[in-house]
């Protein structure tokens, strides 16, 4: 197998409308067309990749997460605070990146990463 990169990541969400507001309004991801499938959901464009939300029960949080790259973590944190999004944890990996961790309304963990 030769991978050309990640096409999409799928996460389960139990409240599709709350998550739509979170991802589209707070994180400014773009909703894209989604075909009719056997389960409800929403597709979002994230740069050249996609994030697929599946309207299914969310699994317990055991460390699984996905990361969104940001150019300016401080500006992103100010924007999110203005939109009522709480940050769970900040971290720096010296010489590598700065990180902020937050959760969507379904409890899925998201990392924001600014490369150093």
PDB file of N, CA and C in Angstrom:
ATOM      1  N   UNK A   1       0.834  -1.186   0.000  1.00  0.00           N
ATOM      2  CA  UNK A   1       0.000   0.000   0.000  1.00  0.00           C
ATOM      3  C   UNK A   1       0.878   1.248   0.000  1.00  0.00           C
ATOM      4  N   UNK A   2       0.503   2.183  -0.816  1.00  0.00           N
ATOM      5  CA  UNK A   2       1.193   3.471  -0.828  1.00  0.00           C
ATOM      6  C   UNK A   2       0.153   4.533  -0.533  1.00  0.00           C
ATOM      7  N   UNK A   3       0.263   5.142   0.638  1.00  0.00           N
ATOM      8  CA  UNK A   3      -0.696   6.164   1.044  1.00  0.00           C
ATOM      9  C   UNK A   3      -0.281   7.512   0.489  1.00  0.00           C
ATOM     10  N   UNK A   4      -1.255   8.259   0.019  1.00  0.00           N
ATOM     11  CA  UNK A   4      -1.011   9.622  -0.448  1.00  0.00           C
ATOM     12  C   UNK A   4      -1.342  10.636   0.638  1.00  0.00           C
ATOM     13  N   UNK A   5      -1.757  10.154   1.810  1.00  0.00           N
ATOM     14  CA  UNK A   5      -2.100  11.049   2.899  1.00  0.00           C
ATOM     15  C   UNK A   5      -3.433  10.678   3.513  1.00  0.00           C
ATOM     16  N   UNK A   6      -3.839  11.416   4.516  1.00  0.00           N
ATOM     17  CA  UNK A   6      -5.111  11.172   5.184  1.00  0.00           C
ATOM     18  C   UNK A   6      -6.216  11.844   4.372  1.00  0.00           C
ATOM     19  N   UNK A   7      -7.252  11.103   4.041  1.00  0.00           N
ATOM     20  CA  UNK A   7      -8.406  11.659   3.323  1.00  0.00           C
ATOM     21  C   UNK A   7      -9.412  12.251   4.296  1.00  0.00           C
ATOM     22  N   UNK A   8      -9.785  11.463   5.329  1.00  0.00           N
ATOM     23  CA  UNK A   8     -10.726  11.974   6.322  1.00  0.00           C
ATOM     24  C   UNK A   8     -10.574  11.220   7.632  1.00  0.00           C
ATOM     25  N   UNK A   9     -11.122  11.838   8.657  1.00  0.00           N
ATOM     26  CA  UNK A   9     -11.237  11.233   9.984  1.00  0.00           C
ATOM     27  C   UNK A   9     -12.721  11.258  10.313  1.00  0.00           C
ATOM     28  N   UNK A  10     -13.241  10.178  10.894  1.00  0.00           N
ATOM     29  CA  UNK A  10     -14.641  10.123  11.322  1.00  0.00           C
ATOM     30  C   UNK A  10     -14.712  10.058  12.834  1.00  0.00           C
ATOM     31  N   UNK A  11     -15.649  10.817  13.402  1.00  0.00           N
ATOM     32  CA  UNK A  11     -15.895  10.759  14.841  1.00  0.00           C
ATOM     33  C   UNK A  11     -17.395  10.643  15.069  1.00  0.00           C
ATOM     34  N   UNK A  12     -17.748   9.930  16.110  1.00  0.00           N
ATOM     35  CA  UNK A  12     -19.158   9.765  16.479  1.00  0.00           C
ATOM     36  C   UNK A  12     -19.596  10.946  17.320  1.00  0.00           C
ATOM     37  N   UNK A  13     -20.813  11.412  17.057  1.00  0.00           N
ATOM     38  CA  UNK A  13     -21.403  12.499  17.831  1.00  0.00           C
ATOM     39  C   UNK A  13     -22.848  12.144  18.132  1.00  0.00           C
ATOM     40  N   UNK A  14     -23.286  12.409  19.357  1.00  0.00           N
ATOM     41  CA  UNK A  14     -24.648  12.047  19.739  1.00  0.00           C
ATOM     42  C   UNK A  14     -25.643  13.184  19.549  1.00  0.00           C
ATOM     43  N   UNK A  15     -25.165  14.409  19.314  1.00  0.00           N
ATOM     44  CA  UNK A  15     -26.034  15.553  19.064  1.00  0.00           C
ATOM     45  C   UNK A  15     -25.485  16.275  17.838  1.00  0.00           C
ATOM     46  N   UNK A  16     -25.992  15.886  16.667  1.00  0.00           N
ATOM     47  CA  UNK A  16     -25.449  16.385  15.408  1.00  0.00           C
ATOM     48  C   UNK A  16     -25.575  17.904  15.289  1.00  0.00           C
ATOM     49  N   UNK A  17     -26.697  18.477  15.694  1.00  0.00           N
ATOM     50  CA  UNK A  17     -26.887  19.920  15.548  1.00  0.00           C
ATOM     51  C   UNK A  17     -25.961  20.711  16.466  1.00  0.00           C
ATOM     52  N   UNK A  18     -25.769  20.256  17.694  1.00  0.00           N
ATOM     53  CA  UNK A  18     -24.832  20.937  18.603  1.00  0.00           C
ATOM     54  C   UNK A  18     -23.419  20.863  18.037  1.00  0.00           C
ATOM     55  N   UNK A  19     -23.064  19.723  17.476  1.00  0.00           N
ATOM     56  CA  UNK A  19     -21.721  19.573  16.902  1.00  0.00           C
ATOM     57  C   UNK A  19     -21.586  20.371  15.613  1.00  0.00           C
ATOM     58  N   UNK A  20     -22.657  20.483  14.826  1.00  0.00           N
ATOM     59  CA  UNK A  20     -22.621  21.329  13.621  1.00  0.00           C
ATOM     60  C   UNK A  20     -22.294  22.771  14.037  1.00  0.00           C
ATOM     61  N   UNK A  21     -22.989  23.280  15.034  1.00  0.00           N
ATOM     62  CA  UNK A  21     -22.731  24.651  15.501  1.00  0.00           C
ATOM     63  C   UNK A  21     -21.287  24.798  15.990  1.00  0.00           C
ATOM     64  N   UNK A  22     -20.804  23.805  16.736  1.00  0.00           N
ATOM     65  CA  UNK A  22     -19.448  23.854  17.265  1.00  0.00           C
ATOM     66  C   UNK A  22     -18.412  23.882  16.135  1.00  0.00           C
ATOM     67  N   UNK A  23     -18.499  22.930  15.228  1.00  0.00           N
ATOM     68  CA  UNK A  23     -17.477  22.820  14.181  1.00  0.00           C
ATOM     69  C   UNK A  23     -17.575  23.921  13.128  1.00  0.00           C
ATOM     70  N   UNK A  24     -18.796  24.312  12.761  1.00  0.00           N
ATOM     71  CA  UNK A  24     -18.965  25.331  11.723  1.00  0.00           C
ATOM     72  C   UNK A  24     -18.856  26.739  12.307  1.00  0.00           C
ATOM     73  N   UNK A  25     -19.561  27.011  13.393  1.00  0.00           N
ATOM     74  CA  UNK A  25     -19.574  28.368  13.950  1.00  0.00           C
ATOM     75  C   UNK A  25     -18.338  28.676  14.793  1.00  0.00           C
ATOM     76  N   UNK A  26     -17.971  27.780  15.690  1.00  0.00           N
ATOM     77  CA  UNK A  26     -16.846  28.065  16.598  1.00  0.00           C
ATOM     78  C   UNK A  26     -15.496  27.790  15.938  1.00  0.00           C
ATOM     79  N   UNK A  27     -15.357  26.643  15.262  1.00  0.00           N
ATOM     80  CA  UNK A  27     -14.059  26.294  14.667  1.00  0.00           C
ATOM     81  C   UNK A  27     -13.910  26.755  13.224  1.00  0.00           C
ATOM     82  N   UNK A  28     -14.994  27.248  12.627  1.00  0.00           N
ATOM     83  CA  UNK A  28     -14.993  27.776  11.262  1.00  0.00           C
ATOM     84  C   UNK A  28     -14.623  26.750  10.197  1.00  0.00           C
ATOM     85  N   UNK A  29     -15.025  25.485  10.395  1.00  0.00           N
ATOM     86  CA  UNK A  29     -14.859  24.495   9.340  1.00  0.00           C
ATOM     87  C   UNK A  29     -16.015  24.651   8.355  1.00  0.00           C
ATOM     88  N   UNK A  30     -15.808  24.202   7.131  1.00  0.00           N
ATOM     89  CA  UNK A  30     -16.801  24.371   6.073  1.00  0.00           C
ATOM     90  C   UNK A  30     -17.584  23.086   5.868  1.00  0.00           C
ATOM     91  N   UNK A  31     -18.906  23.185   5.965  1.00  0.00           N
ATOM     92  CA  UNK A  31     -19.763  22.029   5.692  1.00  0.00           C
ATOM     93  C   UNK A  31     -19.764  21.766   4.194  1.00  0.00           C
ATOM     94  N   UNK A  32     -19.625  20.491   3.830  1.00  0.00           N
ATOM     95  CA  UNK A  32     -19.630  20.113   2.410  1.00  0.00           C
ATOM     96  C   UNK A  32     -20.736  19.090   2.165  1.00  0.00           C
ATOM     97  N   UNK A  33     -21.044  18.903   0.893  1.00  0.00           N
ATOM     98  CA  UNK A  33     -22.114  17.981   0.519  1.00  0.00           C
ATOM     99  C   UNK A  33     -21.791  16.564   0.985  1.00  0.00           C
ATOM    100  N   UNK A  34     -22.829  15.894   1.466  1.00  0.00           N
ATOM    101  CA  UNK A  34     -22.693  14.519   1.957  1.00  0.00           C
ATOM    102  C   UNK A  34     -23.777  13.676   1.295  1.00  0.00           C
ATOM    103  N   UNK A  35     -23.412  12.513   0.757  1.00  0.00           N
ATOM    104  CA  UNK A  35     -24.433  11.657   0.150  1.00  0.00           C
ATOM    105  C   UNK A  35     -25.343  11.051   1.208  1.00  0.00           C
ATOM    106  N   UNK A  36     -26.492  10.557   0.794  1.00  0.00           N
ATOM    107  CA  UNK A  36     -27.386   9.834   1.708  1.00  0.00           C
ATOM    108  C   UNK A  36     -26.698   8.535   2.097  1.00  0.00           C
ATOM    109  N   UNK A  37     -26.590   8.313   3.398  1.00  0.00           N
ATOM    110  CA  UNK A  37     -25.951   7.103   3.907  1.00  0.00           C
ATOM    111  C   UNK A  37     -26.891   6.459   4.919  1.00  0.00           C
ATOM    112  N   UNK A  38     -26.518   5.301   5.422  1.00  0.00           N
ATOM    113  CA  UNK A  38     -27.386   4.567   6.340  1.00  0.00           C
ATOM    114  C   UNK A  38     -27.406   5.154   7.751  1.00  0.00           C
ATOM    115  N   UNK A  39     -26.542   6.113   8.021  1.00  0.00           N
ATOM    116  CA  UNK A  39     -26.485   6.755   9.331  1.00  0.00           C
ATOM    117  C   UNK A  39     -26.437   8.268   9.112  1.00  0.00           C
ATOM    118  N   UNK A  40     -27.048   9.034  10.018  1.00  0.00           N
ATOM    119  CA  UNK A  40     -26.996  10.481   9.902  1.00  0.00           C
ATOM    120  C   UNK A  40     -25.595  11.001  10.110  1.00  0.00           C
ATOM    121  N   UNK A  41     -25.351  12.187   9.612  1.00  0.00           N
ATOM    122  CA  UNK A  41     -24.022  12.748   9.797  1.00  0.00           C
ATOM    123  C   UNK A  41     -23.823  14.039   9.055  1.00  0.00           C
ATOM    124  N   UNK A  42     -22.584  14.464   9.044  1.00  0.00           N
ATOM    125  CA  UNK A  42     -22.192  15.751   8.470  1.00  0.00           C
ATOM    126  C   UNK A  42     -20.745  15.626   8.020  1.00  0.00           C
ATOM    127  N   UNK A  43     -20.437  16.167   6.856  1.00  0.00           N
ATOM    128  CA  UNK A  43     -19.068  16.196   6.375  1.00  0.00           C
ATOM    129  C   UNK A  43     -18.563  17.631   6.393  1.00  0.00           C
ATOM    130  N   UNK A  44     -17.305  17.785   6.802  1.00  0.00           N
ATOM    131  CA  UNK A  44     -16.672  19.099   6.909  1.00  0.00           C
ATOM    132  C   UNK A  44     -15.330  19.087   6.191  1.00  0.00           C
ATOM    133  N   UNK A  45     -14.996  20.206   5.559  1.00  0.00           N
ATOM    134  CA  UNK A  45     -13.699  20.352   4.908  1.00  0.00           C
ATOM    135  C   UNK A  45     -12.737  20.968   5.904  1.00  0.00           C
ATOM    136  N   UNK A  46     -11.537  20.381   6.017  1.00  0.00           N
ATOM    137  CA  UNK A  46     -10.489  20.868   6.917  1.00  0.00           C
ATOM    138  C   UNK A  46      -9.210  20.936   6.092  1.00  0.00           C
ATOM    139  N   UNK A  47      -8.956  22.076   5.453  1.00  0.00           N
ATOM    140  CA  UNK A  47      -7.833  22.135   4.519  1.00  0.00           C
ATOM    141  C   UNK A  47      -8.091  21.139   3.406  1.00  0.00           C
ATOM    142  N   UNK A  48      -7.095  20.345   3.014  1.00  0.00           N
ATOM    143  CA  UNK A  48      -7.332  19.353   1.966  1.00  0.00           C
ATOM    144  C   UNK A  48      -7.999  18.068   2.484  1.00  0.00           C
ATOM    145  N   UNK A  49      -8.133  17.923   3.790  1.00  0.00           N
ATOM    146  CA  UNK A  49      -8.750  16.741   4.386  1.00  0.00           C
ATOM    147  C   UNK A  49     -10.199  17.015   4.771  1.00  0.00           C
ATOM    148  N   UNK A  50     -10.868  15.950   5.197  1.00  0.00           N
ATOM    149  CA  UNK A  50     -12.251  16.062   5.634  1.00  0.00           C
ATOM    150  C   UNK A  50     -12.408  15.478   7.034  1.00  0.00           C
ATOM    151  N   UNK A  51     -13.408  16.001   7.737  1.00  0.00           N
ATOM    152  CA  UNK A  51     -13.831  15.466   9.022  1.00  0.00           C
ATOM    153  C   UNK A  51     -15.269  15.018   8.839  1.00  0.00           C
ATOM    154  N   UNK A  52     -15.546  13.758   9.129  1.00  0.00           N
ATOM    155  CA  UNK A  52     -16.889  13.217   9.000  1.00  0.00           C
ATOM    156  C   UNK A  52     -17.467  13.001  10.391  1.00  0.00           C
ATOM    157  N   UNK A  53     -18.611  13.606  10.654  1.00  0.00           N
ATOM    158  CA  UNK A  53     -19.313  13.394  11.908  1.00  0.00           C
ATOM    159  C   UNK A  53     -20.394  12.349  11.661  1.00  0.00           C
ATOM    160  N   UNK A  54     -20.407  11.297  12.476  1.00  0.00           N
ATOM    161  CA  UNK A  54     -21.392  10.227  12.372  1.00  0.00           C
ATOM    162  C   UNK A  54     -22.341  10.327  13.553  1.00  0.00           C
ATOM    163  N   UNK A  55     -23.635  10.357  13.290  1.00  0.00           N
ATOM    164  CA  UNK A  55     -24.626  10.489  14.352  1.00  0.00           C
ATOM    165  C   UNK A  55     -24.838   9.126  15.011  1.00  0.00           C
ATOM    166  N   UNK A  56     -23.924   8.826  15.920  1.00  0.00           N
ATOM    167  CA  UNK A  56     -23.889   7.559  16.651  1.00  0.00           C
ATOM    168  C   UNK A  56     -23.392   7.846  18.067  1.00  0.00           C
ATOM    169  N   UNK A  57     -23.635   6.941  19.016  1.00  0.00           N
ATOM    170  CA  UNK A  57     -23.118   7.161  20.375  1.00  0.00           C
ATOM    171  C   UNK A  57     -21.592   7.320  20.375  1.00  0.00           C
ATOM    172  N   UNK A  58     -21.111   8.267  21.155  1.00  0.00           N
ATOM    173  CA  UNK A  58     -19.672   8.498  21.256  1.00  0.00           C
ATOM    174  C   UNK A  58     -19.045   7.464  22.179  1.00  0.00           C
ATOM    175  N   UNK A  59     -17.874   6.938  21.807  1.00  0.00           N
ATOM    176  CA  UNK A  59     -17.193   5.985  22.690  1.00  0.00           C
ATOM    177  C   UNK A  59     -16.579   6.712  23.874  1.00  0.00           C
ATOM    178  N   UNK A  60     -16.235   5.981  24.925  1.00  0.00           N
ATOM    179  CA  UNK A  60     -15.582   6.621  26.076  1.00  0.00           C
ATOM    180  C   UNK A  60     -14.248   7.248  25.664  1.00  0.00           C
ATOM    181  N   UNK A  61     -13.917   8.360  26.286  1.00  0.00           N
ATOM    182  CA  UNK A  61     -12.651   9.045  26.007  1.00  0.00           C
ATOM    183  C   UNK A  61     -11.506   8.278  26.657  1.00  0.00           C
ATOM    184  N   UNK A  62     -10.630   7.746  25.829  1.00  0.00           N
ATOM    185  CA  UNK A  62      -9.475   6.984  26.325  1.00  0.00           C
ATOM    186  C   UNK A  62      -8.174   7.523  25.736  1.00  0.00           C
ATOM    187  N   UNK A  63      -8.176   8.795  25.374  1.00  0.00           N
ATOM    188  CA  UNK A  63      -6.978   9.408  24.805  1.00  0.00           C
ATOM    189  C   UNK A  63      -7.065   9.627  23.307  1.00  0.00           C
ATOM    190  N   UNK A  64      -8.043   9.014  22.639  1.00  0.00           N
ATOM    191  CA  UNK A  64      -8.155   9.222  21.199  1.00  0.00           C
ATOM    192  C   UNK A  64      -8.530  10.674  20.920  1.00  0.00           C
ATOM    193  N   UNK A  65      -7.954  11.230  19.878  1.00  0.00           N
ATOM    194  CA  UNK A  65      -8.217  12.613  19.504  1.00  0.00           C
ATOM    195  C   UNK A  65      -7.704  12.840  18.094  1.00  0.00           C
ATOM    196  N   UNK A  66      -8.038  13.989  17.538  1.00  0.00           N
ATOM    197  CA  UNK A  66      -7.415  14.422  16.301  1.00  0.00           C
ATOM    198  C   UNK A  66      -6.897  15.825  16.525  1.00  0.00           C
ATOM    199  N   UNK A  67      -5.959  16.243  15.688  1.00  0.00           N
ATOM    200  CA  UNK A  67      -5.323  17.537  15.864  1.00  0.00           C
ATOM    201  C   UNK A  67      -5.557  18.409  14.639  1.00  0.00           C
ATOM    202  N   UNK A  68      -5.850  19.683  14.901  1.00  0.00           N
ATOM    203  CA  UNK A  68      -5.973  20.679  13.845  1.00  0.00           C
ATOM    204  C   UNK A  68      -4.765  21.600  13.934  1.00  0.00           C
ATOM    205  N   UNK A  69      -4.070  21.792  12.819  1.00  0.00           N
ATOM    206  CA  UNK A  69      -2.913  22.679  12.786  1.00  0.00           C
ATOM    207  C   UNK A  69      -3.396  24.124  12.751  1.00  0.00           C
ATOM    208  N   UNK A  70      -2.781  24.976  13.555  1.00  0.00           N
ATOM    209  CA  UNK A  70      -3.068  26.414  13.551  1.00  0.00           C
ATOM    210  C   UNK A  70      -1.753  27.174  13.414  1.00  0.00           C
ATOM    211  N   UNK A  71      -1.820  28.344  12.781  1.00  0.00           N
ATOM    212  CA  UNK A  71      -0.624  29.174  12.630  1.00  0.00           C
ATOM    213  C   UNK A  71      -0.315  29.956  13.891  1.00  0.00           C
ATOM    214  N   UNK A  72      -1.357  30.377  14.616  1.00  0.00           N
ATOM    215  CA  UNK A  72      -1.193  31.237  15.793  1.00  0.00           C
ATOM    216  C   UNK A  72      -2.108  30.717  16.893  1.00  0.00           C
ATOM    217  N   UNK A  73      -1.562  29.933  17.798  1.00  0.00           N
ATOM    218  CA  UNK A  73      -2.360  29.323  18.857  1.00  0.00           C
ATOM    219  C   UNK A  73      -2.993  30.384  19.762  1.00  0.00           C
ATOM    220  N   UNK A  74      -2.252  31.435  20.083  1.00  0.00           N
ATOM    221  CA  UNK A  74      -2.805  32.471  20.959  1.00  0.00           C
ATOM    222  C   UNK A  74      -4.028  33.123  20.337  1.00  0.00           C
ATOM    223  N   UNK A  75      -3.979  33.438  19.057  1.00  0.00           N
ATOM    224  CA  UNK A  75      -5.134  34.042  18.367  1.00  0.00           C
ATOM    225  C   UNK A  75      -6.304  33.067  18.334  1.00  0.00           C
ATOM    226  N   UNK A  76      -6.025  31.791  18.108  1.00  0.00           N
ATOM    227  CA  UNK A  76      -7.086  30.781  18.099  1.00  0.00           C
ATOM    228  C   UNK A  76      -7.750  30.684  19.469  1.00  0.00           C
ATOM    229  N   UNK A  77      -6.954  30.742  20.525  1.00  0.00           N
ATOM    230  CA  UNK A  77      -7.509  30.653  21.877  1.00  0.00           C
ATOM    231  C   UNK A  77      -8.394  31.851  22.207  1.00  0.00           C
ATOM    232  N   UNK A  78      -7.997  33.040  21.772  1.00  0.00           N
ATOM    233  CA  UNK A  78      -8.813  34.231  21.994  1.00  0.00           C
ATOM    234  C   UNK A  78     -10.138  34.097  21.243  1.00  0.00           C
ATOM    235  N   UNK A  79     -10.079  33.687  19.978  1.00  0.00           N
ATOM    236  CA  UNK A  79     -11.283  33.512  19.174  1.00  0.00           C
ATOM    237  C   UNK A  79     -12.225  32.500  19.821  1.00  0.00           C
ATOM    238  N   UNK A  80     -11.696  31.371  20.278  1.00  0.00           N
ATOM    239  CA  UNK A  80     -12.528  30.336  20.895  1.00  0.00           C
ATOM    240  C   UNK A  80     -13.120  30.818  22.221  1.00  0.00           C
ATOM    241  N   UNK A  81     -12.339  31.528  23.012  1.00  0.00           N
ATOM    242  CA  UNK A  81     -12.860  32.059  24.274  1.00  0.00           C
ATOM    243  C   UNK A  81     -14.017  33.017  24.012  1.00  0.00           C
ATOM    244  N   UNK A  82     -13.891  33.852  22.975  1.00  0.00           N
ATOM    245  CA  UNK A  82     -14.965  34.774  22.608  1.00  0.00           C
ATOM    246  C   UNK A  82     -16.233  34.028  22.202  1.00  0.00           C
ATOM    247  N   UNK A  83     -16.080  32.781  21.757  1.00  0.00           N
ATOM    248  CA  UNK A  83     -17.217  31.972  21.315  1.00  0.00           C
ATOM    249  C   UNK A  83     -17.681  30.989  22.392  1.00  0.00           C
ATOM    250  N   UNK A  84     -17.134  31.137  23.594  1.00  0.00           N
ATOM    251  CA  UNK A  84     -17.569  30.316  24.709  1.00  0.00           C
ATOM    252  C   UNK A  84     -16.987  28.918  24.758  1.00  0.00           C
ATOM    253  N   UNK A  85     -15.926  28.661  23.996  1.00  0.00           N
ATOM    254  CA  UNK A  85     -15.298  27.338  23.991  1.00  0.00           C
ATOM    255  C   UNK A  85     -14.234  27.290  25.076  1.00  0.00           C
ATOM    256  N   UNK A  86     -14.330  26.285  25.935  1.00  0.00           N
ATOM    257  CA  UNK A  86     -13.370  26.127  27.025  1.00  0.00           C
ATOM    258  C   UNK A  86     -12.200  25.259  26.599  1.00  0.00           C
ATOM    259  N   UNK A  87     -11.015  25.662  27.017  1.00  0.00           N
ATOM    260  CA  UNK A  87      -9.797  24.895  26.761  1.00  0.00           C
ATOM    261  C   UNK A  87      -9.516  24.066  28.006  1.00  0.00           C
ATOM    262  N   UNK A  88      -9.290  22.763  27.801  1.00  0.00           N
ATOM    263  CA  UNK A  88      -9.042  21.862  28.922  1.00  0.00           C
ATOM    264  C   UNK A  88      -7.605  21.902  29.413  1.00  0.00           C
ATOM    265  N   UNK A  89      -6.671  22.050  28.472  1.00  0.00           N
ATOM    266  CA  UNK A  89      -5.260  21.936  28.862  1.00  0.00           C
ATOM    267  C   UNK A  89      -4.390  22.575  27.799  1.00  0.00           C
ATOM    268  N   UNK A  90      -3.320  23.244  28.238  1.00  0.00           N
ATOM    269  CA  UNK A  90      -2.294  23.788  27.350  1.00  0.00           C
ATOM    270  C   UNK A  90      -0.995  23.051  27.623  1.00  0.00           C
ATOM    271  N   UNK A  91      -0.191  22.885  26.576  1.00  0.00           N
ATOM    272  CA  UNK A  91       1.052  22.143  26.724  1.00  0.00           C
ATOM    273  C   UNK A  91       2.054  22.640  25.687  1.00  0.00           C
ATOM    274  N   UNK A  92       3.319  22.565  26.021  1.00  0.00           N
ATOM    275  CA  UNK A  92       4.391  22.866  25.067  1.00  0.00           C
ATOM    276  C   UNK A  92       5.348  21.693  25.034  1.00  0.00           C
ATOM    277  N   UNK A  93       5.681  21.252  23.850  1.00  0.00           N
ATOM    278  CA  UNK A  93       6.754  20.271  23.648  1.00  0.00           C
ATOM    279  C   UNK A  93       7.904  21.080  23.074  1.00  0.00           C
ATOM    280  N   UNK A  94       8.885  21.358  23.917  1.00  0.00           N
ATOM    281  CA  UNK A  94       9.983  22.253  23.546  1.00  0.00           C
ATOM    282  C   UNK A  94      10.592  21.863  22.204  1.00  0.00           C
ATOM    283  N   UNK A  95      10.746  22.875  21.348  1.00  0.00           N
ATOM    284  CA  UNK A  95      11.351  22.676  20.040  1.00  0.00           C
ATOM    285  C   UNK A  95      10.454  21.985  19.027  1.00  0.00           C
ATOM    286  N   UNK A  96       9.233  21.616  19.435  1.00  0.00           N
ATOM    287  CA  UNK A  96       8.341  20.890  18.528  1.00  0.00           C
ATOM    288  C   UNK A  96       7.049  21.663  18.284  1.00  0.00           C
ATOM    289  N   UNK A  97       6.255  21.885  19.344  1.00  0.00           N
ATOM    290  CA  UNK A  97       4.951  22.524  19.159  1.00  0.00           C
ATOM    291  C   UNK A  97       4.367  23.018  20.475  1.00  0.00           C
ATOM    292  N   UNK A  98       3.350  23.868  20.328  1.00  0.00           N
ATOM    293  CA  UNK A  98       2.480  24.265  21.431  1.00  0.00           C
ATOM    294  C   UNK A  98       1.132  23.627  21.152  1.00  0.00           C
ATOM    295  N   UNK A  99       0.447  23.177  22.215  1.00  0.00           N
ATOM    296  CA  UNK A  99      -0.808  22.458  22.059  1.00  0.00           C
ATOM    297  C   UNK A  99      -1.870  23.011  22.995  1.00  0.00           C
ATOM    298  N   UNK A 100      -3.115  22.959  22.519  1.00  0.00           N
ATOM    299  CA  UNK A 100      -4.272  23.239  23.362  1.00  0.00           C
ATOM    300  C   UNK A 100      -5.256  22.106  23.132  1.00  0.00           C
ATOM    301  N   UNK A 101      -5.875  21.641  24.208  1.00  0.00           N
ATOM    302  CA  UNK A 101      -6.828  20.539  24.115  1.00  0.00           C
ATOM    303  C   UNK A 101      -8.211  21.027  24.530  1.00  0.00           C
ATOM    304  N   UNK A 102      -9.215  20.624  23.781  1.00  0.00           N
ATOM    305  CA  UNK A 102     -10.607  20.978  24.050  1.00  0.00           C
ATOM    306  C   UNK A 102     -11.478  19.813  23.621  1.00  0.00           C
ATOM    307  N   UNK A 103     -12.767  19.886  23.940  1.00  0.00           N
ATOM    308  CA  UNK A 103     -13.696  18.826  23.554  1.00  0.00           C
ATOM    309  C   UNK A 103     -14.873  19.422  22.796  1.00  0.00           C
ATOM    310  N   UNK A 104     -15.398  18.639  21.847  1.00  0.00           N
ATOM    311  CA  UNK A 104     -16.623  19.051  21.163  1.00  0.00           C
ATOM    312  C   UNK A 104     -17.819  18.714  22.049  1.00  0.00           C
ATOM    313  N   UNK A 105     -19.037  19.106  21.669  1.00  0.00           N
ATOM    314  CA  UNK A 105     -20.201  18.836  22.519  1.00  0.00           C
ATOM    315  C   UNK A 105     -20.467  17.350  22.785  1.00  0.00           C
ATOM    316  N   UNK A 106     -19.917  16.463  21.961  1.00  0.00           N
ATOM    317  CA  UNK A 106     -20.088  15.022  22.172  1.00  0.00           C
ATOM    318  C   UNK A 106     -18.997  14.438  23.056  1.00  0.00           C
ATOM    319  N   UNK A 107     -18.022  15.262  23.461  1.00  0.00           N
ATOM    320  CA  UNK A 107     -16.941  14.785  24.316  1.00  0.00           C
ATOM    321  C   UNK A 107     -15.708  14.318  23.563  1.00  0.00           C
ATOM    322  N   UNK A 108     -15.689  14.466  22.235  1.00  0.00           N
ATOM    323  CA  UNK A 108     -14.507  14.092  21.459  1.00  0.00           C
ATOM    324  C   UNK A 108     -13.406  15.118  21.694  1.00  0.00           C
ATOM    325  N   UNK A 109     -12.206  14.626  21.989  1.00  0.00           N
ATOM    326  CA  UNK A 109     -11.083  15.521  22.262  1.00  0.00           C
ATOM    327  C   UNK A 109     -10.460  16.000  20.957  1.00  0.00           C
ATOM    328  N   UNK A 110     -10.132  17.289  20.935  1.00  0.00           N
ATOM    329  CA  UNK A 110      -9.489  17.927  19.788  1.00  0.00           C
ATOM    330  C   UNK A 110      -8.241  18.624  20.296  1.00  0.00           C
ATOM    331  N   UNK A 111      -7.165  18.488  19.557  1.00  0.00           N
ATOM    332  CA  UNK A 111      -5.917  19.181  19.867  1.00  0.00           C
ATOM    333  C   UNK A 111      -5.712  20.255  18.812  1.00  0.00           C
ATOM    334  N   UNK A 112      -5.345  21.441  19.242  1.00  0.00           N
ATOM    335  CA  UNK A 112      -4.902  22.488  18.337  1.00  0.00           C
ATOM    336  C   UNK A 112      -3.387  22.534  18.457  1.00  0.00           C
ATOM    337  N   UNK A 113      -2.690  22.502  17.331  1.00  0.00           N
ATOM    338  CA  UNK A 113      -1.236  22.412  17.344  1.00  0.00           C
ATOM    339  C   UNK A 113      -0.607  23.548  16.553  1.00  0.00           C
ATOM    340  N   UNK A 114       0.280  24.287  17.203  1.00  0.00           N
ATOM    341  CA  UNK A 114       1.088  25.308  16.539  1.00  0.00           C
ATOM    342  C   UNK A 114       2.528  24.807  16.527  1.00  0.00           C
ATOM    343  N   UNK A 115       3.070  24.557  15.349  1.00  0.00           N
ATOM    344  CA  UNK A 115       4.459  24.103  15.241  1.00  0.00           C
ATOM    345  C   UNK A 115       5.409  25.206  15.669  1.00  0.00           C
ATOM    346  N   UNK A 116       6.499  24.806  16.315  1.00  0.00           N
ATOM    347  CA  UNK A 116       7.537  25.791  16.713  1.00  0.00           C
ATOM    348  C   UNK A 116       8.669  25.765  15.721  1.00  0.00           C
TER     349      UNK A 116
END
